[in-house]
Amino acid sequence: NDAARRHLEEDYLLSLEPRMHRALDGIHRLQEILSKAQR
């Protein structure tokens, strides 16, 4: 719990999770589209 951890958290980790969720949502939607196209 020092300045280095807070820097890592603020600059990288806090923004990572929402970006990962958006990417995963996109991956799941793309999988649905590809499966529908194949059917």
PDB file of all heavy atoms in Angstrom:
ATOM      1  N   ASN A   1       0.833  -1.192   0.000  1.00  0.00           N
ATOM      2  CA  ASN A   1       0.000   0.000   0.000  1.00  0.00           C
ATOM      3  C   ASN A   1       0.874   1.251   0.000  1.00  0.00           C
ATOM      4  O   ASN A   1       0.825   2.066   0.910  1.00  0.00           O
ATOM      5  CB  ASN A   1      -0.942  -0.002   1.202  1.00  0.00           C
ATOM      6  CG  ASN A   1      -2.037   1.029   1.043  1.00  0.00           C
ATOM      7  OD1 ASN A   1      -2.243   1.567  -0.036  1.00  0.00           O
ATOM      8  ND2 ASN A   1      -2.727   1.321   2.123  1.00  0.00           N
ATOM      9  N   ASP A   2       1.662   1.399  -1.049  1.00  0.00           N
ATOM     10  CA  ASP A   2       2.498   2.580  -1.170  1.00  0.00           C
ATOM     11  C   ASP A   2       2.172   3.318  -2.467  1.00  0.00           C
ATOM     12  O   ASP A   2       1.222   2.974  -3.174  1.00  0.00           O
ATOM     13  CB  ASP A   2       3.978   2.216  -1.104  1.00  0.00           C
ATOM     14  CG  ASP A   2       4.430   1.314  -2.239  1.00  0.00           C
ATOM     15  OD1 ASP A   2       3.616   1.020  -3.143  1.00  0.00           O
ATOM     16  OD2 ASP A   2       5.603   0.913  -2.237  1.00  0.00           O
ATOM     17  N   ALA A   3       2.945   4.329  -2.773  1.00  0.00           N
ATOM     18  CA  ALA A   3       2.686   5.149  -3.954  1.00  0.00           C
ATOM     19  C   ALA A   3       2.802   4.342  -5.247  1.00  0.00           C
ATOM     20  O   ALA A   3       2.048   4.579  -6.203  1.00  0.00           O
ATOM     21  CB  ALA A   3       3.640   6.335  -3.984  1.00  0.00           C
ATOM     22  N   ALA A   4       3.711   3.383  -5.300  1.00  0.00           N
ATOM     23  CA  ALA A   4       3.891   2.568  -6.510  1.00  0.00           C
ATOM     24  C   ALA A   4       2.635   1.739  -6.796  1.00  0.00           C
ATOM     25  O   ALA A   4       2.195   1.643  -7.938  1.00  0.00           O
ATOM     26  CB  ALA A   4       5.106   1.660  -6.367  1.00  0.00           C
ATOM     27  N   ARG A   5       2.050   1.139  -5.753  1.00  0.00           N
ATOM     28  CA  ARG A   5       0.821   0.365  -5.951  1.00  0.00           C
ATOM     29  C   ARG A   5      -0.328   1.272  -6.383  1.00  0.00           C
ATOM     30  O   ARG A   5      -1.090   0.943  -7.288  1.00  0.00           O
ATOM     31  CB  ARG A   5       0.415  -0.392  -4.683  1.00  0.00           C
ATOM     32  CG  ARG A   5      -0.781  -1.337  -4.993  1.00  0.00           C
ATOM     33  CD  ARG A   5      -1.641  -1.680  -3.807  1.00  0.00           C
ATOM     34  NE  ARG A   5      -2.170  -0.590  -3.072  1.00  0.00           N
ATOM     35  CZ  ARG A   5      -3.325   0.057  -3.356  1.00  0.00           C
ATOM     36  NH1 ARG A   5      -4.038  -0.270  -4.381  1.00  0.00           N
ATOM     37  NH2 ARG A   5      -3.742   1.033  -2.593  1.00  0.00           N
ATOM     38  N   ARG A   6      -0.441   2.421  -5.753  1.00  0.00           N
ATOM     39  CA  ARG A   6      -1.515   3.340  -6.127  1.00  0.00           C
ATOM     40  C   ARG A   6      -1.338   3.823  -7.561  1.00  0.00           C
ATOM     41  O   ARG A   6      -2.314   3.929  -8.310  1.00  0.00           O
ATOM     42  CB  ARG A   6      -1.567   4.509  -5.146  1.00  0.00           C
ATOM     43  CG  ARG A   6      -2.145   4.095  -3.783  1.00  0.00           C
ATOM     44  CD  ARG A   6      -2.382   5.280  -2.873  1.00  0.00           C
ATOM     45  NE  ARG A   6      -1.150   5.964  -2.472  1.00  0.00           N
ATOM     46  CZ  ARG A   6      -0.344   5.562  -1.498  1.00  0.00           C
ATOM     47  NH1 ARG A   6      -0.641   4.465  -0.809  1.00  0.00           N
ATOM     48  NH2 ARG A   6       0.739   6.243  -1.200  1.00  0.00           N
ATOM     49  N   HIS A   7      -0.107   4.065  -7.961  1.00  0.00           N
ATOM     50  CA  HIS A   7       0.176   4.468  -9.339  1.00  0.00           C
ATOM     51  C   HIS A   7      -0.236   3.355 -10.307  1.00  0.00           C
ATOM     52  O   HIS A   7      -0.893   3.616 -11.322  1.00  0.00           O
ATOM     53  CB  HIS A   7       1.656   4.791  -9.495  1.00  0.00           C
ATOM     54  CG  HIS A   7       2.092   5.043 -10.887  1.00  0.00           C
ATOM     55  ND1 HIS A   7       1.733   6.155 -11.603  1.00  0.00           N
ATOM     56  CD2 HIS A   7       2.861   4.294 -11.724  1.00  0.00           C
ATOM     57  CE1 HIS A   7       2.256   6.089 -12.815  1.00  0.00           C
ATOM     58  NE2 HIS A   7       2.948   4.965 -12.911  1.00  0.00           N
ATOM     59  N   LEU A   8       0.155   2.131 -10.021  1.00  0.00           N
ATOM     60  CA  LEU A   8      -0.216   0.989 -10.864  1.00  0.00           C
ATOM     61  C   LEU A   8      -1.731   0.857 -10.954  1.00  0.00           C
ATOM     62  O   LEU A   8      -2.280   0.690 -12.041  1.00  0.00           O
ATOM     63  CB  LEU A   8       0.391  -0.298 -10.305  1.00  0.00           C
ATOM     64  CG  LEU A   8       0.014  -1.587 -11.014  1.00  0.00           C
ATOM     65  CD1 LEU A   8       0.666  -1.648 -12.387  1.00  0.00           C
ATOM     66  CD2 LEU A   8       0.419  -2.790 -10.185  1.00  0.00           C
ATOM     67  N   GLU A   9      -2.384   0.960  -9.827  1.00  0.00           N
ATOM     68  CA  GLU A   9      -3.839   0.828  -9.794  1.00  0.00           C
ATOM     69  C   GLU A   9      -4.522   1.934 -10.592  1.00  0.00           C
ATOM     70  O   GLU A   9      -5.390   1.671 -11.432  1.00  0.00           O
ATOM     71  CB  GLU A   9      -4.326   0.861  -8.343  1.00  0.00           C
ATOM     72  CG  GLU A   9      -5.810   0.713  -8.222  1.00  0.00           C
ATOM     73  CD  GLU A   9      -6.194  -0.396  -7.280  1.00  0.00           C
ATOM     74  OE1 GLU A   9      -5.347  -1.206  -6.914  1.00  0.00           O
ATOM     75  OE2 GLU A   9      -7.367  -0.450  -6.945  1.00  0.00           O
ATOM     76  N   GLU A  10      -4.136   3.165 -10.344  1.00  0.00           N
ATOM     77  CA  GLU A  10      -4.786   4.301 -11.004  1.00  0.00           C
ATOM     78  C   GLU A  10      -4.502   4.347 -12.501  1.00  0.00           C
ATOM     79  O   GLU A  10      -5.394   4.640 -13.301  1.00  0.00           O
ATOM     80  CB  GLU A  10      -4.339   5.602 -10.353  1.00  0.00           C
ATOM     81  CG  GLU A  10      -4.869   5.774  -8.943  1.00  0.00           C
ATOM     82  CD  GLU A  10      -4.196   6.925  -8.205  1.00  0.00           C
ATOM     83  OE1 GLU A  10      -3.373   7.645  -8.802  1.00  0.00           O
ATOM     84  OE2 GLU A  10      -4.500   7.095  -7.008  1.00  0.00           O
ATOM     85  N   ASP A  11      -3.265   4.081 -12.879  1.00  0.00           N
ATOM     86  CA  ASP A  11      -2.877   4.231 -14.284  1.00  0.00           C
ATOM     87  C   ASP A  11      -3.205   3.028 -15.149  1.00  0.00           C
ATOM     88  O   ASP A  11      -3.331   3.170 -16.365  1.00  0.00           O
ATOM     89  CB  ASP A  11      -1.378   4.528 -14.391  1.00  0.00           C
ATOM     90  CG  ASP A  11      -1.030   5.913 -13.877  1.00  0.00           C
ATOM     91  OD1 ASP A  11      -1.955   6.680 -13.558  1.00  0.00           O
ATOM     92  OD2 ASP A  11       0.173   6.234 -13.797  1.00  0.00           O
ATOM     93  N   TYR A  12      -3.341   1.848 -14.545  1.00  0.00           N
ATOM     94  CA  TYR A  12      -3.529   0.640 -15.361  1.00  0.00           C
ATOM     95  C   TYR A  12      -4.717  -0.214 -14.944  1.00  0.00           C
ATOM     96  O   TYR A  12      -5.569  -0.548 -15.757  1.00  0.00           O
ATOM     97  CB  TYR A  12      -2.257  -0.219 -15.341  1.00  0.00           C
ATOM     98  CG  TYR A  12      -1.063   0.513 -15.877  1.00  0.00           C
ATOM     99  CD1 TYR A  12      -0.118   1.052 -15.016  1.00  0.00           C
ATOM    100  CD2 TYR A  12      -0.892   0.693 -17.242  1.00  0.00           C
ATOM    101  CE1 TYR A  12       0.977   1.749 -15.513  1.00  0.00           C
ATOM    102  CE2 TYR A  12       0.201   1.385 -17.750  1.00  0.00           C
ATOM    103  CZ  TYR A  12       1.126   1.910 -16.871  1.00  0.00           C
ATOM    104  OH  TYR A  12       2.191   2.603 -17.363  1.00  0.00           O
ATOM    105  N   LEU A  13      -4.767  -0.590 -13.688  1.00  0.00           N
ATOM    106  CA  LEU A  13      -5.730  -1.607 -13.275  1.00  0.00           C
ATOM    107  C   LEU A  13      -7.172  -1.116 -13.266  1.00  0.00           C
ATOM    108  O   LEU A  13      -8.071  -1.869 -13.652  1.00  0.00           O
ATOM    109  CB  LEU A  13      -5.345  -2.161 -11.901  1.00  0.00           C
ATOM    110  CG  LEU A  13      -3.991  -2.866 -11.846  1.00  0.00           C
ATOM    111  CD1 LEU A  13      -3.711  -3.358 -10.435  1.00  0.00           C
ATOM    112  CD2 LEU A  13      -3.904  -3.994 -12.852  1.00  0.00           C
ATOM    113  N   LEU A  14      -7.409   0.114 -12.831  1.00  0.00           N
ATOM    114  CA  LEU A  14      -8.790   0.596 -12.762  1.00  0.00           C
ATOM    115  C   LEU A  14      -9.437   0.693 -14.134  1.00  0.00           C
ATOM    116  O   LEU A  14     -10.631   0.450 -14.272  1.00  0.00           O
ATOM    117  CB  LEU A  14      -8.844   1.948 -12.041  1.00  0.00           C
ATOM    118  CG  LEU A  14      -8.553   1.901 -10.545  1.00  0.00           C
ATOM    119  CD1 LEU A  14      -8.588   3.311  -9.953  1.00  0.00           C
ATOM    120  CD2 LEU A  14      -9.530   1.001  -9.811  1.00  0.00           C
ATOM    121  N   SER A  15      -8.675   1.027 -15.144  1.00  0.00           N
ATOM    122  CA  SER A  15      -9.252   1.132 -16.488  1.00  0.00           C
ATOM    123  C   SER A  15      -9.281  -0.217 -17.216  1.00  0.00           C
ATOM    124  O   SER A  15     -10.008  -0.376 -18.194  1.00  0.00           O
ATOM    125  CB  SER A  15      -8.473   2.144 -17.323  1.00  0.00           C
ATOM    126  OG  SER A  15      -7.159   1.682 -17.561  1.00  0.00           O
ATOM    127  N   LEU A  16      -8.515  -1.176 -16.728  1.00  0.00           N
ATOM    128  CA  LEU A  16      -8.426  -2.467 -17.406  1.00  0.00           C
ATOM    129  C   LEU A  16      -9.724  -3.264 -17.339  1.00  0.00           C
ATOM    130  O   LEU A  16     -10.184  -3.808 -18.347  1.00  0.00           O
ATOM    131  CB  LEU A  16      -7.280  -3.296 -16.819  1.00  0.00           C
ATOM    132  CG  LEU A  16      -7.043  -4.660 -17.450  1.00  0.00           C
ATOM    133  CD1 LEU A  16      -6.631  -4.497 -18.907  1.00  0.00           C
ATOM    134  CD2 LEU A  16      -5.985  -5.420 -16.674  1.00  0.00           C
ATOM    135  N   GLU A  17     -10.327  -3.324 -16.171  1.00  0.00           N
ATOM    136  CA  GLU A  17     -11.521  -4.171 -16.015  1.00  0.00           C
ATOM    137  C   GLU A  17     -12.686  -3.732 -16.907  1.00  0.00           C
ATOM    138  O   GLU A  17     -13.261  -4.565 -17.612  1.00  0.00           O
ATOM    139  CB  GLU A  17     -11.940  -4.248 -14.548  1.00  0.00           C
ATOM    140  CG  GLU A  17     -12.964  -5.326 -14.325  1.00  0.00           C
ATOM    141  CD  GLU A  17     -13.033  -5.801 -12.895  1.00  0.00           C
ATOM    142  OE1 GLU A  17     -12.080  -5.587 -12.120  1.00  0.00           O
ATOM    143  OE2 GLU A  17     -14.057  -6.394 -12.571  1.00  0.00           O
ATOM    144  N   PRO A  18     -13.056  -2.450 -16.953  1.00  0.00           N
ATOM    145  CA  PRO A  18     -14.155  -2.079 -17.857  1.00  0.00           C
ATOM    146  C   PRO A  18     -13.804  -2.324 -19.328  1.00  0.00           C
ATOM    147  O   PRO A  18     -14.669  -2.734 -20.113  1.00  0.00           O
ATOM    148  CB  PRO A  18     -14.378  -0.585 -17.599  1.00  0.00           C
ATOM    149  CG  PRO A  18     -13.543  -0.208 -16.452  1.00  0.00           C
ATOM    150  CD  PRO A  18     -12.631  -1.333 -16.129  1.00  0.00           C
ATOM    151  N   ARG A  19     -12.555  -2.112 -19.699  1.00  0.00           N
ATOM    152  CA  ARG A  19     -12.161  -2.374 -21.085  1.00  0.00           C
ATOM    153  C   ARG A  19     -12.238  -3.858 -21.400  1.00  0.00           C
ATOM    154  O   ARG A  19     -12.652  -4.262 -22.497  1.00  0.00           O
ATOM    155  CB  ARG A  19     -10.741  -1.850 -21.337  1.00  0.00           C
ATOM    156  CG  ARG A  19     -10.690  -0.343 -21.325  1.00  0.00           C
ATOM    157  CD  ARG A  19      -9.344   0.240 -21.699  1.00  0.00           C
ATOM    158  NE  ARG A  19      -8.232  -0.677 -21.603  1.00  0.00           N
ATOM    159  CZ  ARG A  19      -7.038  -0.356 -21.128  1.00  0.00           C
ATOM    160  NH1 ARG A  19      -6.798   0.860 -20.702  1.00  0.00           N
ATOM    161  NH2 ARG A  19      -6.077  -1.243 -21.094  1.00  0.00           N
ATOM    162  N   MET A  20     -11.851  -4.704 -20.446  1.00  0.00           N
ATOM    163  CA  MET A  20     -11.941  -6.151 -20.655  1.00  0.00           C
ATOM    164  C   MET A  20     -13.394  -6.585 -20.784  1.00  0.00           C
ATOM    165  O   MET A  20     -13.709  -7.439 -21.610  1.00  0.00           O
ATOM    166  CB  MET A  20     -11.259  -6.903 -19.511  1.00  0.00           C
ATOM    167  CG  MET A  20      -9.756  -6.805 -19.520  1.00  0.00           C
ATOM    168  SD  MET A  20      -9.041  -7.586 -20.976  1.00  0.00           S
ATOM    169  CE  MET A  20      -9.517  -9.272 -20.715  1.00  0.00           C
ATOM    170  N   HIS A  21     -14.275  -6.013 -19.981  1.00  0.00           N
ATOM    171  CA  HIS A  21     -15.694  -6.369 -20.074  1.00  0.00           C
ATOM    172  C   HIS A  21     -16.266  -5.976 -21.435  1.00  0.00           C
ATOM    173  O   HIS A  21     -17.039  -6.728 -22.030  1.00  0.00           O
ATOM    174  CB  HIS A  21     -16.495  -5.736 -18.941  1.00  0.00           C
ATOM    175  CG  HIS A  21     -16.291  -6.402 -17.621  1.00  0.00           C
ATOM    176  ND1 HIS A  21     -16.692  -7.695 -17.357  1.00  0.00           N
ATOM    177  CD2 HIS A  21     -15.696  -5.964 -16.479  1.00  0.00           C
ATOM    178  CE1 HIS A  21     -16.365  -8.018 -16.121  1.00  0.00           C
ATOM    179  NE2 HIS A  21     -15.755  -6.987 -15.566  1.00  0.00           N
ATOM    180  N   ARG A  22     -15.887  -4.803 -21.929  1.00  0.00           N
ATOM    181  CA  ARG A  22     -16.353  -4.403 -23.261  1.00  0.00           C
ATOM    182  C   ARG A  22     -15.815  -5.341 -24.333  1.00  0.00           C
ATOM    183  O   ARG A  22     -16.529  -5.725 -25.261  1.00  0.00           O
ATOM    184  CB  ARG A  22     -15.941  -2.956 -23.557  1.00  0.00           C
ATOM    185  CG  ARG A  22     -16.773  -1.934 -22.814  1.00  0.00           C
ATOM    186  CD  ARG A  22     -16.560  -0.519 -23.324  1.00  0.00           C
ATOM    187  NE  ARG A  22     -15.178  -0.080 -23.268  1.00  0.00           N
ATOM    188  CZ  ARG A  22     -14.596   0.505 -22.223  1.00  0.00           C
ATOM    189  NH1 ARG A  22     -15.299   0.722 -21.128  1.00  0.00           N
ATOM    190  NH2 ARG A  22     -13.336   0.884 -22.270  1.00  0.00           N
ATOM    191  N   ALA A  23     -14.544  -5.709 -24.210  1.00  0.00           N
ATOM    192  CA  ALA A  23     -13.956  -6.634 -25.188  1.00  0.00           C
ATOM    193  C   ALA A  23     -14.650  -7.993 -25.139  1.00  0.00           C
ATOM    194  O   ALA A  23     -14.968  -8.577 -26.178  1.00  0.00           O
ATOM    195  CB  ALA A  23     -12.456  -6.802 -24.928  1.00  0.00           C
ATOM    196  N   LEU A  24     -14.908  -8.499 -23.941  1.00  0.00           N
ATOM    197  CA  LEU A  24     -15.584  -9.789 -23.808  1.00  0.00           C
ATOM    198  C   LEU A  24     -17.009  -9.728 -24.354  1.00  0.00           C
ATOM    199  O   LEU A  24     -17.463 -10.673 -25.001  1.00  0.00           O
ATOM    200  CB  LEU A  24     -15.585 -10.246 -22.348  1.00  0.00           C
ATOM    201  CG  LEU A  24     -14.221 -10.693 -21.828  1.00  0.00           C
ATOM    202  CD1 LEU A  24     -14.225 -10.787 -20.312  1.00  0.00           C
ATOM    203  CD2 LEU A  24     -13.822 -12.018 -22.458  1.00  0.00           C
ATOM    204  N   ASP A  25     -17.699  -8.627 -24.117  1.00  0.00           N
ATOM    205  CA  ASP A  25     -19.044  -8.469 -24.698  1.00  0.00           C
ATOM    206  C   ASP A  25     -18.964  -8.526 -26.218  1.00  0.00           C
ATOM    207  O   ASP A  25     -19.786  -9.176 -26.869  1.00  0.00           O
ATOM    208  CB  ASP A  25     -19.672  -7.147 -24.262  1.00  0.00           C
ATOM    209  CG  ASP A  25     -20.108  -7.143 -22.811  1.00  0.00           C
ATOM    210  OD1 ASP A  25     -20.214  -8.237 -22.214  1.00  0.00           O
ATOM    211  OD2 ASP A  25     -20.336  -6.040 -22.275  1.00  0.00           O
ATOM    212  N   GLY A  26     -17.980  -7.850 -26.793  1.00  0.00           N
ATOM    213  CA  GLY A  26     -17.803  -7.870 -28.242  1.00  0.00           C
ATOM    214  C   GLY A  26     -17.484  -9.260 -28.762  1.00  0.00           C
ATOM    215  O   GLY A  26     -17.998  -9.686 -29.800  1.00  0.00           O
ATOM    216  N   ILE A  27     -16.643  -9.996 -28.042  1.00  0.00           N
ATOM    217  CA  ILE A  27     -16.296 -11.357 -28.446  1.00  0.00           C
ATOM    218  C   ILE A  27     -17.535 -12.249 -28.433  1.00  0.00           C
ATOM    219  O   ILE A  27     -17.769 -13.018 -29.367  1.00  0.00           O
ATOM    220  CB  ILE A  27     -15.193 -11.934 -27.534  1.00  0.00           C
ATOM    221  CG1 ILE A  27     -13.872 -11.211 -27.801  1.00  0.00           C
ATOM    222  CG2 ILE A  27     -15.037 -13.443 -27.733  1.00  0.00           C
ATOM    223  CD1 ILE A  27     -12.789 -11.504 -26.775  1.00  0.00           C
ATOM    224  N   HIS A  28     -18.340 -12.129 -27.388  1.00  0.00           N
ATOM    225  CA  HIS A  28     -19.552 -12.957 -27.290  1.00  0.00           C
ATOM    226  C   HIS A  28     -20.549 -12.608 -28.400  1.00  0.00           C
ATOM    227  O   HIS A  28     -21.163 -13.502 -28.992  1.00  0.00           O
ATOM    228  CB  HIS A  28     -20.199 -12.820 -25.919  1.00  0.00           C
ATOM    229  CG  HIS A  28     -19.389 -13.411 -24.817  1.00  0.00           C
ATOM    230  ND1 HIS A  28     -19.031 -14.735 -24.770  1.00  0.00           N
ATOM    231  CD2 HIS A  28     -18.843 -12.855 -23.701  1.00  0.00           C
ATOM    232  CE1 HIS A  28     -18.307 -14.970 -23.686  1.00  0.00           C
ATOM    233  NE2 HIS A  28     -18.175 -13.833 -23.027  1.00  0.00           N
ATOM    234  N   ARG A  29     -20.702 -11.317 -28.682  1.00  0.00           N
ATOM    235  CA  ARG A  29     -21.606 -10.914 -29.769  1.00  0.00           C
ATOM    236  C   ARG A  29     -21.099 -11.422 -31.112  1.00  0.00           C
ATOM    237  O   ARG A  29     -21.878 -11.905 -31.945  1.00  0.00           O
ATOM    238  CB  ARG A  29     -21.760  -9.394 -29.805  1.00  0.00           C
ATOM    239  CG  ARG A  29     -22.679  -8.857 -28.733  1.00  0.00           C
ATOM    240  CD  ARG A  29     -23.077  -7.410 -28.974  1.00  0.00           C
ATOM    241  NE  ARG A  29     -21.957  -6.533 -29.252  1.00  0.00           N
ATOM    242  CZ  ARG A  29     -21.269  -5.835 -28.356  1.00  0.00           C
ATOM    243  NH1 ARG A  29     -21.608  -5.918 -27.085  1.00  0.00           N
ATOM    244  NH2 ARG A  29     -20.280  -5.051 -28.714  1.00  0.00           N
ATOM    245  N   LEU A  30     -19.788 -11.329 -31.327  1.00  0.00           N
ATOM    246  CA  LEU A  30     -19.217 -11.817 -32.579  1.00  0.00           C
ATOM    247  C   LEU A  30     -19.410 -13.326 -32.718  1.00  0.00           C
ATOM    248  O   LEU A  30     -19.732 -13.821 -33.796  1.00  0.00           O
ATOM    249  CB  LEU A  30     -17.735 -11.458 -32.666  1.00  0.00           C
ATOM    250  CG  LEU A  30     -17.011 -11.880 -33.940  1.00  0.00           C
ATOM    251  CD1 LEU A  30     -17.672 -11.281 -35.172  1.00  0.00           C
ATOM    252  CD2 LEU A  30     -15.541 -11.467 -33.859  1.00  0.00           C
ATOM    253  N   GLN A  31     -19.250 -14.070 -31.630  1.00  0.00           N
ATOM    254  CA  GLN A  31     -19.469 -15.516 -31.669  1.00  0.00           C
ATOM    255  C   GLN A  31     -20.911 -15.822 -32.070  1.00  0.00           C
ATOM    256  O   GLN A  31     -21.160 -16.725 -32.865  1.00  0.00           O
ATOM    257  CB  GLN A  31     -19.141 -16.153 -30.324  1.00  0.00           C
ATOM    258  CG  GLN A  31     -19.332 -17.660 -30.289  1.00  0.00           C
ATOM    259  CD  GLN A  31     -18.360 -18.381 -31.204  1.00  0.00           C
ATOM    260  OE1 GLN A  31     -17.162 -18.176 -31.121  1.00  0.00           O
ATOM    261  NE2 GLN A  31     -18.870 -19.224 -32.087  1.00  0.00           N
ATOM    262  N   GLU A  32     -21.866 -15.074 -31.524  1.00  0.00           N
ATOM    263  CA  GLU A  32     -23.274 -15.272 -31.880  1.00  0.00           C
ATOM    264  C   GLU A  32     -23.507 -14.992 -33.366  1.00  0.00           C
ATOM    265  O   GLU A  32     -24.207 -15.750 -34.048  1.00  0.00           O
ATOM    266  CB  GLU A  32     -24.164 -14.359 -31.035  1.00  0.00           C
ATOM    267  CG  GLU A  32     -24.230 -14.747 -29.575  1.00  0.00           C
ATOM    268  CD  GLU A  32     -24.977 -13.712 -28.740  1.00  0.00           C
ATOM    269  OE1 GLU A  32     -25.659 -12.840 -29.323  1.00  0.00           O
ATOM    270  OE2 GLU A  32     -24.865 -13.775 -27.514  1.00  0.00           O
ATOM    271  N   ILE A  33     -22.918 -13.920 -33.869  1.00  0.00           N
ATOM    272  CA  ILE A  33     -23.076 -13.562 -35.284  1.00  0.00           C
ATOM    273  C   ILE A  33     -22.461 -14.629 -36.183  1.00  0.00           C
ATOM    274  O   ILE A  33     -23.067 -15.044 -37.176  1.00  0.00           O
ATOM    275  CB  ILE A  33     -22.443 -12.184 -35.557  1.00  0.00           C
ATOM    276  CG1 ILE A  33     -23.268 -11.095 -34.877  1.00  0.00           C
ATOM    277  CG2 ILE A  33     -22.319 -11.917 -37.058  1.00  0.00           C
ATOM    278  CD1 ILE A  33     -22.576  -9.745 -34.808  1.00  0.00           C
ATOM    279  N   LEU A  34     -21.273 -15.096 -35.834  1.00  0.00           N
ATOM    280  CA  LEU A  34     -20.611 -16.119 -36.645  1.00  0.00           C
ATOM    281  C   LEU A  34     -21.392 -17.436 -36.622  1.00  0.00           C
ATOM    282  O   LEU A  34     -21.516 -18.104 -37.649  1.00  0.00           O
ATOM    283  CB  LEU A  34     -19.176 -16.339 -36.161  1.00  0.00           C
ATOM    284  CG  LEU A  34     -18.209 -15.167 -36.389  1.00  0.00           C
ATOM    285  CD1 LEU A  34     -16.887 -15.431 -35.696  1.00  0.00           C
ATOM    286  CD2 LEU A  34     -18.004 -14.909 -37.868  1.00  0.00           C
ATOM    287  N   SER A  35     -21.912 -17.799 -35.462  1.00  0.00           N
ATOM    288  CA  SER A  35     -22.709 -19.030 -35.370  1.00  0.00           C
ATOM    289  C   SER A  35     -23.984 -18.914 -36.190  1.00  0.00           C
ATOM    290  O   SER A  35     -24.372 -19.862 -36.888  1.00  0.00           O
ATOM    291  CB  SER A  35     -23.052 -19.334 -33.910  1.00  0.00           C
ATOM    292  OG  SER A  35     -21.884 -19.644 -33.191  1.00  0.00           O
ATOM    293  N   LYS A  36     -24.638 -17.755 -36.132  1.00  0.00           N
ATOM    294  CA  LYS A  36     -25.849 -17.540 -36.921  1.00  0.00           C
ATOM    295  C   LYS A  36     -25.531 -17.606 -38.410  1.00  0.00           C
ATOM    296  O   LYS A  36     -26.258 -18.234 -39.186  1.00  0.00           O
ATOM    297  CB  LYS A  36     -26.465 -16.192 -36.576  1.00  0.00           C
ATOM    298  CG  LYS A  36     -27.735 -15.900 -37.341  1.00  0.00           C
ATOM    299  CD  LYS A  36     -28.313 -14.555 -36.970  1.00  0.00           C
ATOM    300  CE  LYS A  36     -29.556 -14.291 -37.808  1.00  0.00           C
ATOM    301  NZ  LYS A  36     -30.070 -12.950 -37.598  1.00  0.00           N
ATOM    302  N   ALA A  37     -24.437 -16.983 -38.822  1.00  0.00           N
ATOM    303  CA  ALA A  37     -24.051 -17.013 -40.235  1.00  0.00           C
ATOM    304  C   ALA A  37     -23.772 -18.441 -40.689  1.00  0.00           C
ATOM    305  O   ALA A  37     -24.168 -18.841 -41.789  1.00  0.00           O
ATOM    306  CB  ALA A  37     -22.814 -16.141 -40.460  1.00  0.00           C
ATOM    307  N   GLN A  38     -23.134 -19.225 -39.854  1.00  0.00           N
ATOM    308  CA  GLN A  38     -22.845 -20.605 -40.216  1.00  0.00           C
ATOM    309  C   GLN A  38     -24.140 -21.410 -40.353  1.00  0.00           C
ATOM    310  O   GLN A  38     -24.294 -22.182 -41.291  1.00  0.00           O
ATOM    311  CB  GLN A  38     -21.931 -21.253 -39.185  1.00  0.00           C
ATOM    312  CG  GLN A  38     -21.456 -22.625 -39.622  1.00  0.00           C
ATOM    313  CD  GLN A  38     -20.422 -23.193 -38.666  1.00  0.00           C
ATOM    314  OE1 GLN A  38     -20.305 -22.754 -37.531  1.00  0.00           O
ATOM    315  NE2 GLN A  38     -19.674 -24.161 -39.126  1.00  0.00           N
ATOM    316  N   ARG A  39     -25.083 -21.190 -39.433  1.00  0.00           N
ATOM    317  CA  ARG A  39     -26.367 -21.898 -39.531  1.00  0.00           C
ATOM    318  C   ARG A  39     -27.100 -21.504 -40.812  1.00  0.00           C
ATOM    319  O   ARG A  39     -27.663 -22.349 -41.496  1.00  0.00           O
ATOM    320  CB  ARG A  39     -27.245 -21.584 -38.315  1.00  0.00           C
ATOM    321  CG  ARG A  39     -26.848 -22.299 -37.059  1.00  0.00           C
ATOM    322  CD  ARG A  39     -27.900 -22.150 -35.974  1.00  0.00           C
ATOM    323  NE  ARG A  39     -28.218 -20.767 -35.658  1.00  0.00           N
ATOM    324  CZ  ARG A  39     -27.577 -20.007 -34.770  1.00  0.00           C
ATOM    325  NH1 ARG A  39     -26.543 -20.519 -34.119  1.00  0.00           N
ATOM    326  NH2 ARG A  39     -27.958 -18.774 -34.536  1.00  0.00           N
TER     327      ARG A  39
END
